[in-house]
Amino acid sequence: MTYSLIIERHSADPVYVNGIKTWPEVTNYLRHKLDNSAIKAEIYKWSSNNKCLGQKCVRMNNIVDIVLSLRDKEVLI
């Protein structure tokens, strides 16, 4: 199981982050590695056979709920 992030930025190309192994790594990336030009981030959870298990759109108005969640089951739909 892995996670992927697609980070859309203002006046720039999107950033793709693939192969994140754990949920704490996802929240750590959102907390510490987003730059000021980030508009939104799409989180995808993938199974070992590349099936999408969940997805969440993170914007600046709901980022606190995402980064403070302890498990991905609380936020991924």
Protein backbone atom coordinates (compact mmCIF):
# COMPACT_ATOMS: atom_id res chain seq x y z
CA MET A 1 0.00 0.00 0.00
CA THR A 2 1.36 3.43 -0.95
CA TYR A 3 0.22 7.04 -1.08
CA SER A 4 0.62 9.67 -3.78
CA LEU A 5 0.31 13.45 -3.65
CA ILE A 6 -0.45 15.84 -6.47
CA ILE A 7 0.27 19.37 -5.30
CA GLU A 8 -1.13 22.20 -7.40
CA ARG A 9 0.68 25.51 -7.11
CA HIS A 10 -0.14 29.06 -8.11
CA SER A 11 1.41 29.96 -11.49
CA ALA A 12 3.54 26.80 -11.62
CA ASP A 13 3.42 23.19 -12.74
CA PRO A 14 2.02 20.64 -10.29
CA VAL A 15 4.35 18.58 -8.13
CA TYR A 16 3.91 14.79 -8.05
CA VAL A 17 5.08 12.87 -4.99
CA ASN A 18 4.76 9.10 -5.37
CA GLY A 19 5.71 6.10 -3.28
CA ILE A 20 4.98 7.44 0.20
CA LYS A 21 4.76 4.38 2.44
CA THR A 22 2.91 5.48 5.59
CA TRP A 23 0.23 7.94 6.67
CA PRO A 24 2.59 9.75 9.10
CA GLU A 25 4.91 10.41 6.13
CA VAL A 26 1.96 11.97 4.25
CA THR A 27 1.03 14.25 7.13
CA ASN A 28 4.69 15.13 7.69
CA TYR A 29 5.00 16.16 4.04
CA LEU A 30 1.89 18.33 4.28
CA ARG A 31 3.11 19.95 7.50
CA HIS A 32 6.72 20.65 6.62
CA LYS A 33 7.34 20.47 2.87
CA LEU A 34 4.55 22.49 1.25
CA ASP A 35 5.71 25.82 -0.11
CA ASN A 36 3.78 29.07 -0.03
CA SER A 37 2.57 28.73 -3.61
CA ALA A 38 0.57 25.54 -2.88
CA ILE A 39 -3.14 25.90 -3.61
CA LYS A 40 -4.31 22.34 -3.00
CA ALA A 41 -3.08 18.79 -2.67
CA GLU A 42 -4.78 15.59 -3.79
CA ILE A 43 -4.00 12.53 -1.65
CA TYR A 44 -4.44 9.08 -3.19
CA LYS A 45 -4.12 5.74 -1.42
CA TRP A 46 -3.10 2.83 -3.68
CA SER A 47 -3.25 -0.91 -3.06
CA SER A 48 -0.41 -3.27 -3.97
CA ASN A 49 -2.14 -4.07 -7.29
CA ASN A 50 -2.53 -0.35 -8.18
CA LYS A 51 -6.19 -0.03 -7.26
CA CYS A 52 -7.24 3.31 -5.77
CA LEU A 53 -8.47 2.74 -2.22
CA GLY A 54 -9.21 6.34 -1.31
CA GLN A 55 -8.84 9.97 -2.30
CA LYS A 56 -9.00 13.34 -0.56
CA CYS A 57 -8.69 16.91 -1.78
CA VAL A 58 -6.78 19.03 0.73
CA ARG A 59 -7.18 22.79 0.57
CA MET A 60 -5.91 25.35 2.99
CA ASN A 61 -9.29 25.52 4.76
CA ASN A 62 -9.26 21.80 5.72
CA ILE A 63 -5.53 21.11 6.00
CA VAL A 64 -5.59 21.19 9.82
CA ASP A 65 -8.15 18.37 9.94
CA ILE A 66 -5.95 16.26 7.66
CA VAL A 67 -2.55 16.78 9.28
CA LEU A 68 -3.91 16.20 12.79
CA SER A 69 -5.63 12.91 11.90
CA LEU A 70 -3.90 9.85 13.28
CA ARG A 71 -5.18 7.41 10.67
CA ASP A 72 -6.03 7.70 7.00
CA LYS A 73 -9.41 6.03 7.53
CA GLU A 74 -10.60 9.20 9.26
CA VAL A 75 -10.18 11.36 6.16
CA LEU A 76 -9.91 9.29 2.97
CA ILE A 77 -13.16 8.59 1.15
